[in-house]
Amino acid sequence: MKRPLIACLLLLTLGAAASVHAQYQGPGSTPAKAAQQAPMKTVADVLKNGKDDQMVTLTGNVVKQVGREKFLFRDTSGEIRIEIDDEAMPTQPFDDKTKVEITGEVEKDFLRSVEIDVKSVKLAP
């Protein structure tokens, strides 16, 4: 009877210790770094200050398809290439005149231009 009780207490202790480490928010922690990043609101912001794998949300127009899943996105500040997987496409059709909101990750690969890997596309109100 004592062995199962000891095993349960050991698991609870280890679980509590793991959650303490997950809550660390001091220097060097991911939450602290994320809080320091300024929000990206325009294509120009992303091109100038975007960090690899940083989540961004932009509003503008998908103006041209340049590959199977590659498109050009434009807002009032500029243009950037985006990649939209089929599952991220909205259910409603849209064209180059339709205002959309895209959310995705900045992709900065060596010797390649910056692009956004889009996770969702919503028609803007």
C-alpha atoms as a PDB file:
ATOM      1  CA  MET A   1       0.000   0.000   0.000  1.00  0.00           C
ATOM      2  CA  LYS A   2       2.888   2.340   0.753  1.00  0.00           C
ATOM      3  CA  ARG A   3       4.554   1.892  -2.666  1.00  0.00           C
ATOM      4  CA  PRO A   4       1.642   3.272  -4.747  1.00  0.00           C
ATOM      5  CA  LEU A   5       1.304   6.168  -2.302  1.00  0.00           C
ATOM      6  CA  ILE A   6       5.014   6.968  -2.548  1.00  0.00           C
ATOM      7  CA  ALA A   7       4.876   6.724  -6.366  1.00  0.00           C
ATOM      8  CA  CYS A   8       1.927   9.130  -6.488  1.00  0.00           C
ATOM      9  CA  LEU A   9       3.666  11.614  -4.184  1.00  0.00           C
ATOM     10  CA  LEU A  10       6.836  11.405  -6.280  1.00  0.00           C
ATOM     11  CA  LEU A  11       4.889  12.094  -9.496  1.00  0.00           C
ATOM     12  CA  LEU A  12       3.083  15.037  -7.913  1.00  0.00           C
ATOM     13  CA  THR A  13       6.384  16.481  -6.652  1.00  0.00           C
ATOM     14  CA  LEU A  14       8.028  16.129 -10.068  1.00  0.00           C
ATOM     15  CA  GLY A  15       5.006  17.682 -11.776  1.00  0.00           C
ATOM     16  CA  ALA A  16       5.059  20.657  -9.412  1.00  0.00           C
ATOM     17  CA  ALA A  17       8.790  21.155  -9.972  1.00  0.00           C
ATOM     18  CA  ALA A  18       8.332  21.066 -13.749  1.00  0.00           C
ATOM     19  CA  SER A  19       5.609  23.713 -13.619  1.00  0.00           C
ATOM     20  CA  VAL A  20       7.858  25.997 -11.561  1.00  0.00           C
ATOM     21  CA  HIS A  21      10.476  25.950 -14.311  1.00  0.00           C
ATOM     22  CA  ALA A  22       7.834  26.564 -16.984  1.00  0.00           C
ATOM     23  CA  GLN A  23       6.806  29.778 -15.190  1.00  0.00           C
ATOM     24  CA  TYR A  24      10.263  31.417 -15.262  1.00  0.00           C
ATOM     25  CA  GLN A  25      10.047  34.811 -17.001  1.00  0.00           C
ATOM     26  CA  GLY A  26      13.390  36.418 -16.136  1.00  0.00           C
ATOM     27  CA  PRO A  27      16.311  37.325 -18.402  1.00  0.00           C
ATOM     28  CA  GLY A  28      16.859  34.855 -21.198  1.00  0.00           C
ATOM     29  CA  SER A  29      13.351  33.408 -21.068  1.00  0.00           C
ATOM     30  CA  THR A  30      11.215  33.222 -24.192  1.00  0.00           C
ATOM     31  CA  PRO A  31       8.341  35.337 -22.783  1.00  0.00           C
ATOM     32  CA  ALA A  32      10.764  38.159 -21.921  1.00  0.00           C
ATOM     33  CA  LYS A  33      12.178  38.157 -25.450  1.00  0.00           C
ATOM     34  CA  ALA A  34       8.702  38.088 -27.016  1.00  0.00           C
ATOM     35  CA  ALA A  35       7.620  41.060 -24.911  1.00  0.00           C
ATOM     36  CA  GLN A  36      10.602  43.077 -26.191  1.00  0.00           C
ATOM     37  CA  GLN A  37       9.622  42.615 -29.839  1.00  0.00           C
ATOM     38  CA  ALA A  38       7.604  45.497 -31.209  1.00  0.00           C
ATOM     39  CA  PRO A  39       4.362  44.482 -32.929  1.00  0.00           C
ATOM     40  CA  MET A  40       4.614  44.320 -36.699  1.00  0.00           C
ATOM     41  CA  LYS A  41       1.676  46.180 -38.265  1.00  0.00           C
ATOM     42  CA  THR A  42       2.890  46.846 -41.825  1.00  0.00           C
ATOM     43  CA  VAL A  43       4.894  45.158 -44.550  1.00  0.00           C
ATOM     44  CA  ALA A  44       7.584  47.832 -44.108  1.00  0.00           C
ATOM     45  CA  ASP A  45       7.846  46.925 -40.376  1.00  0.00           C
ATOM     46  CA  VAL A  46       8.295  43.244 -41.234  1.00  0.00           C
ATOM     47  CA  LEU A  47      10.907  43.918 -43.913  1.00  0.00           C
ATOM     48  CA  LYS A  48      12.881  46.287 -41.701  1.00  0.00           C
ATOM     49  CA  ASN A  49      12.578  44.767 -38.203  1.00  0.00           C
ATOM     50  CA  GLY A  50      10.963  41.333 -38.513  1.00  0.00           C
ATOM     51  CA  LYS A  51      12.656  38.431 -36.727  1.00  0.00           C
ATOM     52  CA  ASP A  52      12.661  34.860 -38.002  1.00  0.00           C
ATOM     53  CA  ASP A  53       9.653  32.894 -36.685  1.00  0.00           C
ATOM     54  CA  GLN A  54       8.012  36.048 -35.272  1.00  0.00           C
ATOM     55  CA  MET A  55       4.210  35.990 -35.466  1.00  0.00           C
ATOM     56  CA  VAL A  56       2.677  38.928 -37.354  1.00  0.00           C
ATOM     57  CA  THR A  57      -0.801  40.057 -38.364  1.00  0.00           C
ATOM     58  CA  LEU A  58      -1.140  42.356 -41.370  1.00  0.00           C
ATOM     59  CA  THR A  59      -4.091  43.860 -43.249  1.00  0.00           C
ATOM     60  CA  GLY A  60      -3.938  44.468 -46.985  1.00  0.00           C
ATOM     61  CA  ASN A  61      -4.516  42.686 -50.295  1.00  0.00           C
ATOM     62  CA  VAL A  62      -3.258  39.498 -51.895  1.00  0.00           C
ATOM     63  CA  VAL A  63      -2.464  41.024 -55.285  1.00  0.00           C
ATOM     64  CA  LYS A  64      -0.940  38.207 -57.337  1.00  0.00           C
ATOM     65  CA  GLN A  65      -0.306  34.478 -57.333  1.00  0.00           C
ATOM     66  CA  VAL A  66       3.348  33.768 -58.189  1.00  0.00           C
ATOM     67  CA  GLY A  67       3.479  30.014 -57.516  1.00  0.00           C
ATOM     68  CA  ARG A  68       1.295  27.143 -56.358  1.00  0.00           C
ATOM     69  CA  GLU A  69       1.144  28.407 -52.754  1.00  0.00           C
ATOM     70  CA  LYS A  70       3.132  31.653 -53.188  1.00  0.00           C
ATOM     71  CA  PHE A  71       1.476  35.061 -53.480  1.00  0.00           C
ATOM     72  CA  LEU A  72       2.348  38.751 -53.292  1.00  0.00           C
ATOM     73  CA  PHE A  73       0.744  40.650 -50.420  1.00  0.00           C
ATOM     74  CA  ARG A  74       0.490  44.451 -50.446  1.00  0.00           C
ATOM     75  CA  ASP A  75      -0.463  47.052 -47.886  1.00  0.00           C
ATOM     76  CA  THR A  76       0.002  50.830 -47.942  1.00  0.00           C
ATOM     77  CA  SER A  77       3.687  50.490 -46.972  1.00  0.00           C
ATOM     78  CA  GLY A  78       4.905  47.905 -49.474  1.00  0.00           C
ATOM     79  CA  GLU A  79       4.829  44.380 -50.832  1.00  0.00           C
ATOM     80  CA  ILE A  80       6.043  41.011 -49.515  1.00  0.00           C
ATOM     81  CA  ARG A  81       5.893  37.401 -50.706  1.00  0.00           C
ATOM     82  CA  ILE A  82       3.653  35.104 -48.661  1.00  0.00           C
ATOM     83  CA  GLU A  83       3.023  31.373 -48.636  1.00  0.00           C
ATOM     84  CA  ILE A  84      -0.531  30.192 -48.007  1.00  0.00           C
ATOM     85  CA  ASP A  85      -1.231  26.477 -47.556  1.00  0.00           C
ATOM     86  CA  ASP A  86      -4.613  25.234 -48.768  1.00  0.00           C
ATOM     87  CA  GLU A  87      -5.841  24.699 -45.205  1.00  0.00           C
ATOM     88  CA  ALA A  88      -5.174  28.378 -44.335  1.00  0.00           C
ATOM     89  CA  MET A  89      -7.339  29.703 -47.186  1.00  0.00           C
ATOM     90  CA  PRO A  90     -10.725  31.169 -46.240  1.00  0.00           C
ATOM     91  CA  THR A  91     -13.877  29.388 -47.339  1.00  0.00           C
ATOM     92  CA  GLN A  92     -15.121  32.511 -49.158  1.00  0.00           C
ATOM     93  CA  PRO A  93     -13.543  33.421 -52.509  1.00  0.00           C
ATOM     94  CA  PHE A  94     -11.487  36.634 -52.682  1.00  0.00           C
ATOM     95  CA  ASP A  95      -9.518  38.586 -55.284  1.00  0.00           C
ATOM     96  CA  ASP A  96      -6.885  41.324 -55.501  1.00  0.00           C
ATOM     97  CA  LYS A  97      -9.424  43.992 -54.470  1.00  0.00           C
ATOM     98  CA  THR A  98     -10.572  42.155 -51.332  1.00  0.00           C
ATOM     99  CA  LYS A  99      -9.077  43.455 -48.074  1.00  0.00           C
ATOM    100  CA  VAL A 100      -7.777  40.535 -45.966  1.00  0.00           C
ATOM    101  CA  GLU A 101      -6.090  40.017 -42.626  1.00  0.00           C
ATOM    102  CA  ILE A 102      -3.214  37.521 -42.657  1.00  0.00           C
ATOM    103  CA  THR A 103      -1.560  35.998 -39.616  1.00  0.00           C
ATOM    104  CA  GLY A 104       1.654  34.037 -39.909  1.00  0.00           C
ATOM    105  CA  GLU A 105       5.353  33.642 -39.155  1.00  0.00           C
ATOM    106  CA  VAL A 106       8.148  35.716 -40.616  1.00  0.00           C
ATOM    107  CA  GLU A 107      10.568  33.517 -42.576  1.00  0.00           C
ATOM    108  CA  LYS A 108      14.097  34.893 -42.946  1.00  0.00           C
ATOM    109  CA  ASP A 109      16.288  32.367 -44.724  1.00  0.00           C
ATOM    110  CA  PHE A 110      19.909  32.991 -45.630  1.00  0.00           C
ATOM    111  CA  LEU A 111      20.301  34.525 -49.122  1.00  0.00           C
ATOM    112  CA  ARG A 112      16.529  34.635 -49.696  1.00  0.00           C
ATOM    113  CA  SER A 113      14.075  37.485 -49.428  1.00  0.00           C
ATOM    114  CA  VAL A 114      11.840  37.751 -46.369  1.00  0.00           C
ATOM    115  CA  GLU A 115       8.440  36.096 -46.643  1.00  0.00           C
ATOM    116  CA  ILE A 116       5.528  35.227 -44.374  1.00  0.00           C
ATOM    117  CA  ASP A 117       4.325  31.653 -43.827  1.00  0.00           C
ATOM    118  CA  VAL A 118       0.611  32.377 -43.457  1.00  0.00           C
ATOM    119  CA  LYS A 119      -1.335  30.385 -40.870  1.00  0.00           C
ATOM    120  CA  SER A 120      -4.717  32.064 -41.461  1.00  0.00           C
ATOM    121  CA  VAL A 121      -6.421  34.372 -43.936  1.00  0.00           C
ATOM    122  CA  LYS A 122      -9.588  36.231 -42.933  1.00  0.00           C
ATOM    123  CA  LEU A 123     -11.637  38.630 -44.986  1.00  0.00           C
ATOM    124  CA  ALA A 124     -11.307  42.034 -43.342  1.00  0.00           C
ATOM    125  CA  PRO A 125     -14.512  43.808 -42.301  1.00  0.00           C
END
